[in-house]
Amino acid sequence: MHLDRRIVQGGADLVSRLIQATQGHGGITTTFIERLNGTFQQRLSAVGPRTSARVRCPGTLSAGMDVVGCLYNLCAFHHRLRLKLSVRGYGHR
């Protein structure tokens, strides 16, 4: 399978600067958005790939996505954000 990557907004120099600022190296990747899509599909049944749930009002879907986004960003434990805390000579936690 051949994957075709195109820049649809901005120029190649802008894209390379943004990649350098956010990732440090590499090329155009969809890893982060795919992870976010998977999180929404896991936690909100209306956007799952094989679902019989239907949203009757677009506002309901938007509110559900807002709740899932807030829970993901503010309440979920992220291993990457873990800090070493010094606890008075007892070492690190």
PDB file of N, CA and C in Angstrom:
ATOM      1  N   MET A   1       0.843  -1.181   0.000  1.00  0.00           N
ATOM      2  CA  MET A   1       0.000   0.000   0.000  1.00  0.00           C
ATOM      3  C   MET A   1       0.888   1.243   0.000  1.00  0.00           C
ATOM      4  N   HIS A   2       0.636   2.146  -0.902  1.00  0.00           N
ATOM      5  CA  HIS A   2       1.412   3.374  -1.026  1.00  0.00           C
ATOM      6  C   HIS A   2       0.666   4.504  -0.340  1.00  0.00           C
ATOM      7  N   LEU A   3       1.356   5.237   0.517  1.00  0.00           N
ATOM      8  CA  LEU A   3       0.767   6.352   1.235  1.00  0.00           C
ATOM      9  C   LEU A   3       1.257   7.642   0.600  1.00  0.00           C
ATOM     10  N   ASP A   4       0.327   8.460   0.158  1.00  0.00           N
ATOM     11  CA  ASP A   4       0.659   9.729  -0.478  1.00  0.00           C
ATOM     12  C   ASP A   4       0.453  10.850   0.528  1.00  0.00           C
ATOM     13  N   ARG A   5       1.501  11.615   0.827  1.00  0.00           N
ATOM     14  CA  ARG A   5       1.401  12.730   1.769  1.00  0.00           C
ATOM     15  C   ARG A   5       1.463  14.032   0.995  1.00  0.00           C
ATOM     16  N   ARG A   6       0.492  14.902   1.294  1.00  0.00           N
ATOM     17  CA  ARG A   6       0.448  16.207   0.633  1.00  0.00           C
ATOM     18  C   ARG A   6       0.275  17.301   1.669  1.00  0.00           C
ATOM     19  N   ILE A   7       0.777  18.459   1.370  1.00  0.00           N
ATOM     20  CA  ILE A   7       0.578  19.633   2.209  1.00  0.00           C
ATOM     21  C   ILE A   7      -0.584  20.412   1.602  1.00  0.00           C
ATOM     22  N   VAL A   8      -1.653  20.564   2.367  1.00  0.00           N
ATOM     23  CA  VAL A   8      -2.835  21.231   1.822  1.00  0.00           C
ATOM     24  C   VAL A   8      -2.962  22.664   2.308  1.00  0.00           C
ATOM     25  N   GLN A   9      -2.223  23.027   3.338  1.00  0.00           N
ATOM     26  CA  GLN A   9      -2.281  24.399   3.826  1.00  0.00           C
ATOM     27  C   GLN A   9      -0.889  24.812   4.262  1.00  0.00           C
ATOM     28  N   GLY A  10      -0.402  25.924   3.773  1.00  0.00           N
ATOM     29  CA  GLY A  10       0.939  26.382   4.102  1.00  0.00           C
ATOM     30  C   GLY A  10       1.961  25.836   3.121  1.00  0.00           C
ATOM     31  N   GLY A  11       3.204  26.220   3.329  1.00  0.00           N
ATOM     32  CA  GLY A  11       4.280  25.773   2.450  1.00  0.00           C
ATOM     33  C   GLY A  11       5.159  24.731   3.108  1.00  0.00           C
ATOM     34  N   ALA A  12       6.064  24.177   2.338  1.00  0.00           N
ATOM     35  CA  ALA A  12       6.960  23.127   2.842  1.00  0.00           C
ATOM     36  C   ALA A  12       7.864  23.659   3.949  1.00  0.00           C
ATOM     37  N   ASP A  13       8.308  24.922   3.842  1.00  0.00           N
ATOM     38  CA  ASP A  13       9.171  25.491   4.877  1.00  0.00           C
ATOM     39  C   ASP A  13       8.417  25.662   6.199  1.00  0.00           C
ATOM     40  N   LEU A  14       7.153  26.058   6.135  1.00  0.00           N
ATOM     41  CA  LEU A  14       6.337  26.185   7.336  1.00  0.00           C
ATOM     42  C   LEU A  14       6.127  24.826   7.996  1.00  0.00           C
ATOM     43  N   VAL A  15       5.832  23.820   7.191  1.00  0.00           N
ATOM     44  CA  VAL A  15       5.623  22.474   7.729  1.00  0.00           C
ATOM     45  C   VAL A  15       6.892  21.953   8.390  1.00  0.00           C
ATOM     46  N   SER A  16       8.044  22.156   7.764  1.00  0.00           N
ATOM     47  CA  SER A  16       9.296  21.667   8.355  1.00  0.00           C
ATOM     48  C   SER A  16       9.611  22.398   9.662  1.00  0.00           C
ATOM     49  N   ARG A  17       9.320  23.700   9.741  1.00  0.00           N
ATOM     50  CA  ARG A  17       9.536  24.434  10.990  1.00  0.00           C
ATOM     51  C   ARG A  17       8.599  23.941  12.094  1.00  0.00           C
ATOM     52  N   LEU A  18       7.342  23.677  11.752  1.00  0.00           N
ATOM     53  CA  LEU A  18       6.392  23.191  12.745  1.00  0.00           C
ATOM     54  C   LEU A  18       6.752  21.790  13.229  1.00  0.00           C
ATOM     55  N   ILE A  19       7.192  20.928  12.331  1.00  0.00           N
ATOM     56  CA  ILE A  19       7.621  19.589  12.731  1.00  0.00           C
ATOM     57  C   ILE A  19       8.825  19.680  13.653  1.00  0.00           C
ATOM     58  N   GLN A  20       9.771  20.537  13.332  1.00  0.00           N
ATOM     59  CA  GLN A  20      10.959  20.712  14.169  1.00  0.00           C
ATOM     60  C   GLN A  20      10.579  21.247  15.544  1.00  0.00           C
ATOM     61  N   ALA A  21       9.626  22.184  15.602  1.00  0.00           N
ATOM     62  CA  ALA A  21       9.233  22.775  16.879  1.00  0.00           C
ATOM     63  C   ALA A  21       8.436  21.813  17.747  1.00  0.00           C
ATOM     64  N   THR A  22       7.626  20.956  17.148  1.00  0.00           N
ATOM     65  CA  THR A  22       6.747  20.094  17.937  1.00  0.00           C
ATOM     66  C   THR A  22       7.302  18.694  18.152  1.00  0.00           C
ATOM     67  N   GLN A  23       7.998  18.147  17.176  1.00  0.00           N
ATOM     68  CA  GLN A  23       8.465  16.767  17.273  1.00  0.00           C
ATOM     69  C   GLN A  23       9.974  16.662  17.361  1.00  0.00           C
ATOM     70  N   GLY A  24      10.677  17.652  16.858  1.00  0.00           N
ATOM     71  CA  GLY A  24      12.127  17.625  16.893  1.00  0.00           C
ATOM     72  C   GLY A  24      12.765  16.944  15.702  1.00  0.00           C
ATOM     73  N   HIS A  25      12.079  15.987  15.104  1.00  0.00           N
ATOM     74  CA  HIS A  25      12.635  15.267  13.964  1.00  0.00           C
ATOM     75  C   HIS A  25      11.494  14.559  13.253  1.00  0.00           C
ATOM     76  N   GLY A  26      11.806  13.927  12.179  1.00  0.00           N
ATOM     77  CA  GLY A  26      10.806  13.099  11.490  1.00  0.00           C
ATOM     78  C   GLY A  26      10.082  13.850  10.396  1.00  0.00           C
ATOM     79  N   GLY A  27       9.089  13.174   9.859  1.00  0.00           N
ATOM     80  CA  GLY A  27       8.302  13.753   8.785  1.00  0.00           C
ATOM     81  C   GLY A  27       6.872  13.972   9.240  1.00  0.00           C
ATOM     82  N   ILE A  28       6.010  14.175   8.275  1.00  0.00           N
ATOM     83  CA  ILE A  28       4.596  14.366   8.578  1.00  0.00           C
ATOM     84  C   ILE A  28       4.045  13.039   9.092  1.00  0.00           C
ATOM     85  N   THR A  29       3.418  13.079  10.254  1.00  0.00           N
ATOM     86  CA  THR A  29       2.884  11.864  10.850  1.00  0.00           C
ATOM     87  C   THR A  29       1.455  12.093  11.335  1.00  0.00           C
ATOM     88  N   THR A  30       0.669  11.045  11.361  1.00  0.00           N
ATOM     89  CA  THR A  30      -0.708  11.141  11.833  1.00  0.00           C
ATOM     90  C   THR A  30      -0.889  10.393  13.149  1.00  0.00           C
ATOM     91  N   THR A  31       0.196  10.049  13.802  1.00  0.00           N
ATOM     92  CA  THR A  31       0.146   9.254  15.018  1.00  0.00           C
ATOM     93  C   THR A  31      -0.691   9.912  16.104  1.00  0.00           C
ATOM     94  N   PHE A  32      -0.496  11.203  16.311  1.00  0.00           N
ATOM     95  CA  PHE A  32      -1.176  11.886  17.407  1.00  0.00           C
ATOM     96  C   PHE A  32      -2.674  11.968  17.165  1.00  0.00           C
ATOM     97  N   ILE A  33      -3.093  12.283  15.952  1.00  0.00           N
ATOM     98  CA  ILE A  33      -4.518  12.377  15.668  1.00  0.00           C
ATOM     99  C   ILE A  33      -5.158  10.998  15.677  1.00  0.00           C
ATOM    100  N   GLU A  34      -4.440   9.964  15.255  1.00  0.00           N
ATOM    101  CA  GLU A  34      -4.980   8.608  15.315  1.00  0.00           C
ATOM    102  C   GLU A  34      -5.175   8.171  16.767  1.00  0.00           C
ATOM    103  N   ARG A  35      -4.256   8.539  17.638  1.00  0.00           N
ATOM    104  CA  ARG A  35      -4.399   8.221  19.061  1.00  0.00           C
ATOM    105  C   ARG A  35      -5.606   8.952  19.651  1.00  0.00           C
ATOM    106  N   LEU A  36      -5.788  10.206  19.282  1.00  0.00           N
ATOM    107  CA  LEU A  36      -6.932  10.973  19.766  1.00  0.00           C
ATOM    108  C   LEU A  36      -8.248  10.389  19.250  1.00  0.00           C
ATOM    109  N   ASN A  37      -8.280   9.995  17.972  1.00  0.00           N
ATOM    110  CA  ASN A  37      -9.474   9.359  17.422  1.00  0.00           C
ATOM    111  C   ASN A  37      -9.796   8.063  18.158  1.00  0.00           C
ATOM    112  N   GLY A  38      -8.776   7.279  18.461  1.00  0.00           N
ATOM    113  CA  GLY A  38      -8.980   6.037  19.202  1.00  0.00           C
ATOM    114  C   GLY A  38      -9.535   6.298  20.594  1.00  0.00           C
ATOM    115  N   THR A  39      -9.062   7.356  21.228  1.00  0.00           N
ATOM    116  CA  THR A  39      -9.562   7.705  22.554  1.00  0.00           C
ATOM    117  C   THR A  39     -11.033   8.081  22.487  1.00  0.00           C
ATOM    118  N   PHE A  40     -11.410   8.879  21.486  1.00  0.00           N
ATOM    119  CA  PHE A  40     -12.819   9.257  21.340  1.00  0.00           C
ATOM    120  C   PHE A  40     -13.678   8.038  21.039  1.00  0.00           C
ATOM    121  N   GLN A  41     -13.210   7.149  20.187  1.00  0.00           N
ATOM    122  CA  GLN A  41     -13.985   5.950  19.854  1.00  0.00           C
ATOM    123  C   GLN A  41     -14.139   5.041  21.059  1.00  0.00           C
ATOM    124  N   GLN A  42     -13.137   4.978  21.908  1.00  0.00           N
ATOM    125  CA  GLN A  42     -13.185   4.127  23.088  1.00  0.00           C
ATOM    126  C   GLN A  42     -14.136   4.687  24.139  1.00  0.00           C
ATOM    127  N   ARG A  43     -14.147   5.991  24.295  1.00  0.00           N
ATOM    128  CA  ARG A  43     -14.879   6.595  25.409  1.00  0.00           C
ATOM    129  C   ARG A  43     -16.228   7.184  25.040  1.00  0.00           C
ATOM    130  N   LEU A  44     -16.530   7.316  23.769  1.00  0.00           N
ATOM    131  CA  LEU A  44     -17.804   7.894  23.333  1.00  0.00           C
ATOM    132  C   LEU A  44     -18.400   6.964  22.292  1.00  0.00           C
ATOM    133  N   SER A  45     -19.422   6.238  22.671  1.00  0.00           N
ATOM    134  CA  SER A  45     -19.940   5.164  21.816  1.00  0.00           C
ATOM    135  C   SER A  45     -20.499   5.675  20.486  1.00  0.00           C
ATOM    136  N   ALA A  46     -20.922   6.911  20.416  1.00  0.00           N
ATOM    137  CA  ALA A  46     -21.534   7.426  19.194  1.00  0.00           C
ATOM    138  C   ALA A  46     -20.546   7.588  18.041  1.00  0.00           C
ATOM    139  N   VAL A  47     -19.245   7.622  18.320  1.00  0.00           N
ATOM    140  CA  VAL A  47     -18.264   7.792  17.248  1.00  0.00           C
ATOM    141  C   VAL A  47     -17.462   6.521  16.998  1.00  0.00           C
ATOM    142  N   GLY A  48     -17.882   5.412  17.558  1.00  0.00           N
ATOM    143  CA  GLY A  48     -17.195   4.135  17.352  1.00  0.00           C
ATOM    144  C   GLY A  48     -17.364   3.655  15.928  1.00  0.00           C
ATOM    145  N   PRO A  49     -16.464   2.789  15.454  1.00  0.00           N
ATOM    146  CA  PRO A  49     -16.517   2.315  14.071  1.00  0.00           C
ATOM    147  C   PRO A  49     -17.711   1.410  13.780  1.00  0.00           C
ATOM    148  N   ARG A  50     -18.089   0.587  14.735  1.00  0.00           N
ATOM    149  CA  ARG A  50     -19.236  -0.312  14.540  1.00  0.00           C
ATOM    150  C   ARG A  50     -20.234  -0.061  15.649  1.00  0.00           C
ATOM    151  N   THR A  51     -21.023   0.949  15.489  1.00  0.00           N
ATOM    152  CA  THR A  51     -21.955   1.308  16.545  1.00  0.00           C
ATOM    153  C   THR A  51     -23.365   1.383  16.000  1.00  0.00           C
ATOM    154  N   SER A  52     -24.302   1.066  16.862  1.00  0.00           N
ATOM    155  CA  SER A  52     -25.703   1.244  16.489  1.00  0.00           C
ATOM    156  C   SER A  52     -26.259   2.495  17.143  1.00  0.00           C
ATOM    157  N   ALA A  53     -25.435   3.162  17.957  1.00  0.00           N
ATOM    158  CA  ALA A  53     -25.865   4.391  18.614  1.00  0.00           C
ATOM    159  C   ALA A  53     -25.871   5.539  17.605  1.00  0.00           C
ATOM    160  N   ARG A  54     -26.881   6.303  17.642  1.00  0.00           N
ATOM    161  CA  ARG A  54     -26.989   7.468  16.760  1.00  0.00           C
ATOM    162  C   ARG A  54     -27.215   8.711  17.607  1.00  0.00           C
ATOM    163  N   VAL A  55     -26.607   9.790  17.208  1.00  0.00           N
ATOM    164  CA  VAL A  55     -26.809  11.066  17.890  1.00  0.00           C
ATOM    165  C   VAL A  55     -27.860  11.828  17.108  1.00  0.00           C
ATOM    166  N   ARG A  56     -28.922  12.191  17.777  1.00  0.00           N
ATOM    167  CA  ARG A  56     -30.030  12.882  17.097  1.00  0.00           C
ATOM    168  C   ARG A  56     -29.801  14.379  16.991  1.00  0.00           C
ATOM    169  N   CYS A  57     -29.010  14.904  17.888  1.00  0.00           N
ATOM    170  CA  CYS A  57     -28.760  16.352  17.894  1.00  0.00           C
ATOM    171  C   CYS A  57     -27.250  16.590  17.829  1.00  0.00           C
ATOM    172  N   PRO A  58     -26.804  17.397  16.877  1.00  0.00           N
ATOM    173  CA  PRO A  58     -25.349  17.660  16.789  1.00  0.00           C
ATOM    174  C   PRO A  58     -24.778  18.275  18.069  1.00  0.00           C
ATOM    175  N   GLY A  59     -25.594  19.004  18.801  1.00  0.00           N
ATOM    176  CA  GLY A  59     -25.137  19.595  20.057  1.00  0.00           C
ATOM    177  C   GLY A  59     -24.774  18.538  21.086  1.00  0.00           C
ATOM    178  N   THR A  60     -25.503  17.421  21.064  1.00  0.00           N
ATOM    179  CA  THR A  60     -25.208  16.326  21.990  1.00  0.00           C
ATOM    180  C   THR A  60     -23.843  15.721  21.692  1.00  0.00           C
ATOM    181  N   LEU A  61     -23.547  15.510  20.414  1.00  0.00           N
ATOM    182  CA  LEU A  61     -22.239  14.977  20.031  1.00  0.00           C
ATOM    183  C   LEU A  61     -21.128  15.945  20.410  1.00  0.00           C
ATOM    184  N   SER A  62     -21.343  17.222  20.156  1.00  0.00           N
ATOM    185  CA  SER A  62     -20.339  18.230  20.493  1.00  0.00           C
ATOM    186  C   SER A  62     -20.095  18.274  22.001  1.00  0.00           C
ATOM    187  N   ALA A  63     -21.161  18.229  22.786  1.00  0.00           N
ATOM    188  CA  ALA A  63     -21.015  18.245  24.249  1.00  0.00           C
ATOM    189  C   ALA A  63     -20.300  16.988  24.728  1.00  0.00           C
ATOM    190  N   GLY A  64     -20.630  15.831  24.147  1.00  0.00           N
ATOM    191  CA  GLY A  64     -19.956  14.590  24.529  1.00  0.00           C
ATOM    192  C   GLY A  64     -18.482  14.631  24.208  1.00  0.00           C
ATOM    193  N   MET A  65     -18.126  15.193  23.059  1.00  0.00           N
ATOM    194  CA  MET A  65     -16.705  15.297  22.689  1.00  0.00           C
ATOM    195  C   MET A  65     -15.980  16.283  23.599  1.00  0.00           C
ATOM    196  N   ASP A  66     -16.670  17.345  24.013  1.00  0.00           N
ATOM    197  CA  ASP A  66     -16.071  18.284  24.960  1.00  0.00           C
ATOM    198  C   ASP A  66     -15.782  17.610  26.292  1.00  0.00           C
ATOM    199  N   VAL A  67     -16.730  16.807  26.782  1.00  0.00           N
ATOM    200  CA  VAL A  67     -16.543  16.118  28.060  1.00  0.00           C
ATOM    201  C   VAL A  67     -15.382  15.130  27.965  1.00  0.00           C
ATOM    202  N   VAL A  68     -15.348  14.337  26.891  1.00  0.00           N
ATOM    203  CA  VAL A  68     -14.265  13.371  26.724  1.00  0.00           C
ATOM    204  C   VAL A  68     -12.915  14.092  26.613  1.00  0.00           C
ATOM    205  N   GLY A  69     -12.873  15.188  25.871  1.00  0.00           N
ATOM    206  CA  GLY A  69     -11.633  15.957  25.742  1.00  0.00           C
ATOM    207  C   GLY A  69     -11.160  16.517  27.068  1.00  0.00           C
ATOM    208  N   CYS A  70     -12.087  17.042  27.864  1.00  0.00           N
ATOM    209  CA  CYS A  70     -11.708  17.578  29.180  1.00  0.00           C
ATOM    210  C   CYS A  70     -11.217  16.467  30.101  1.00  0.00           C
ATOM    211  N   LEU A  71     -11.910  15.339  30.111  1.00  0.00           N
ATOM    212  CA  LEU A  71     -11.473  14.223  30.956  1.00  0.00           C
ATOM    213  C   LEU A  71     -10.102  13.718  30.524  1.00  0.00           C
ATOM    214  N   TYR A  72      -9.886  13.635  29.213  1.00  0.00           N
ATOM    215  CA  TYR A  72      -8.603  13.149  28.699  1.00  0.00           C
ATOM    216  C   TYR A  72      -7.479  14.107  29.063  1.00  0.00           C
ATOM    217  N   ASN A  73      -7.703  15.407  28.891  1.00  0.00           N
ATOM    218  CA  ASN A  73      -6.636  16.386  29.110  1.00  0.00           C
ATOM    219  C   ASN A  73      -6.417  16.738  30.574  1.00  0.00           C
ATOM    220  N   LEU A  74      -7.477  16.719  31.384  1.00  0.00           N
ATOM    221  CA  LEU A  74      -7.363  17.222  32.744  1.00  0.00           C
ATOM    222  C   LEU A  74      -7.395  16.140  33.821  1.00  0.00           C
ATOM    223  N   CYS A  75      -8.006  14.998  33.563  1.00  0.00           N
ATOM    224  CA  CYS A  75      -8.193  14.001  34.621  1.00  0.00           C
ATOM    225  C   CYS A  75      -7.427  12.701  34.398  1.00  0.00           C
ATOM    226  N   ALA A  76      -7.148  12.349  33.172  1.00  0.00           N
ATOM    227  CA  ALA A  76      -6.492  11.076  32.883  1.00  0.00           C
ATOM    228  C   ALA A  76      -5.012  11.147  33.250  1.00  0.00           C
ATOM    229  N   PHE A  77      -4.487  10.040  33.739  1.00  0.00           N
ATOM    230  CA  PHE A  77      -3.079   9.959  34.096  1.00  0.00           C
ATOM    231  C   PHE A  77      -2.271   9.702  32.827  1.00  0.00           C
ATOM    232  N   HIS A  78      -1.302  10.559  32.556  1.00  0.00           N
ATOM    233  CA  HIS A  78      -0.449  10.426  31.380  1.00  0.00           C
ATOM    234  C   HIS A  78       0.972  10.120  31.851  1.00  0.00           C
ATOM    235  N   HIS A  79       1.516   8.998  31.430  1.00  0.00           N
ATOM    236  CA  HIS A  79       2.849   8.592  31.860  1.00  0.00           C
ATOM    237  C   HIS A  79       3.919   9.585  31.428  1.00  0.00           C
ATOM    238  N   ARG A  80       3.728  10.238  30.300  1.00  0.00           N
ATOM    239  CA  ARG A  80       4.728  11.185  29.799  1.00  0.00           C
ATOM    240  C   ARG A  80       4.840  12.422  30.684  1.00  0.00           C
ATOM    241  N   LEU A  81       3.789  12.746  31.418  1.00  0.00           N
ATOM    242  CA  LEU A  81       3.791  13.961  32.226  1.00  0.00           C
ATOM    243  C   LEU A  81       4.231  13.719  33.663  1.00  0.00           C
ATOM    244  N   ARG A  82       4.663  12.513  33.974  1.00  0.00           N
ATOM    245  CA  ARG A  82       5.058  12.170  35.327  1.00  0.00           C
ATOM    246  C   ARG A  82       6.343  12.896  35.704  1.00  0.00           C
ATOM    247  N   LEU A  83       6.364  13.451  36.910  1.00  0.00           N
ATOM    248  CA  LEU A  83       7.526  14.181  37.410  1.00  0.00           C
ATOM    249  C   LEU A  83       8.150  13.417  38.561  1.00  0.00           C
ATOM    250  N   LYS A  84       9.462  13.506  38.690  1.00  0.00           N
ATOM    251  CA  LYS A  84      10.131  12.942  39.858  1.00  0.00           C
ATOM    252  C   LYS A  84      10.029  13.958  40.989  1.00  0.00           C
ATOM    253  N   LEU A  85       9.436  13.547  42.083  1.00  0.00           N
ATOM    254  CA  LEU A  85       9.269  14.427  43.228  1.00  0.00           C
ATOM    255  C   LEU A  85      10.212  13.972  44.343  1.00  0.00           C
ATOM    256  N   SER A  86      10.988  14.885  44.866  1.00  0.00           N
ATOM    257  CA  SER A  86      11.862  14.553  45.963  1.00  0.00           C
ATOM    258  C   SER A  86      11.058  14.662  47.250  1.00  0.00           C
ATOM    259  N   VAL A  87      11.119  13.605  48.065  1.00  0.00           N
ATOM    260  CA  VAL A  87      10.345  13.580  49.292  1.00  0.00           C
ATOM    261  C   VAL A  87      11.296  13.463  50.477  1.00  0.00           C
ATOM    262  N   ARG A  88      11.866  14.544  50.936  1.00  0.00           N
ATOM    263  CA  ARG A  88      12.708  14.667  52.129  1.00  0.00           C
ATOM    264  C   ARG A  88      13.634  13.490  52.406  1.00  0.00           C
ATOM    265  N   GLY A  89      14.542  13.224  51.596  1.00  0.00           N
ATOM    266  CA  GLY A  89      15.519  12.184  51.869  1.00  0.00           C
ATOM    267  C   GLY A  89      15.017  10.766  51.706  1.00  0.00           C
ATOM    268  N   TYR A  90      13.770  10.593  51.356  1.00  0.00           N
ATOM    269  CA  TYR A  90      13.228   9.246  51.148  1.00  0.00           C
ATOM    270  C   TYR A  90      13.367   8.813  49.695  1.00  0.00           C
ATOM    271  N   GLY A  91      13.995   9.621  48.909  1.00  0.00           N
ATOM    272  CA  GLY A  91      14.155   9.283  47.494  1.00  0.00           C
ATOM    273  C   GLY A  91      13.067   9.931  46.645  1.00  0.00           C
ATOM    274  N   HIS A  92      12.826   9.324  45.517  1.00  0.00           N
ATOM    275  CA  HIS A  92      11.844   9.853  44.572  1.00  0.00           C
ATOM    276  C   HIS A  92      10.615   8.988  44.557  1.00  0.00           C
ATOM    277  N   ARG A  93       9.517   9.586  44.219  1.00  0.00           N
ATOM    278  CA  ARG A  93       8.281   8.845  44.026  1.00  0.00           C
ATOM    279  C   ARG A  93       8.016   8.646  42.572  1.00  0.00           C
TER     280      ARG A  93
END
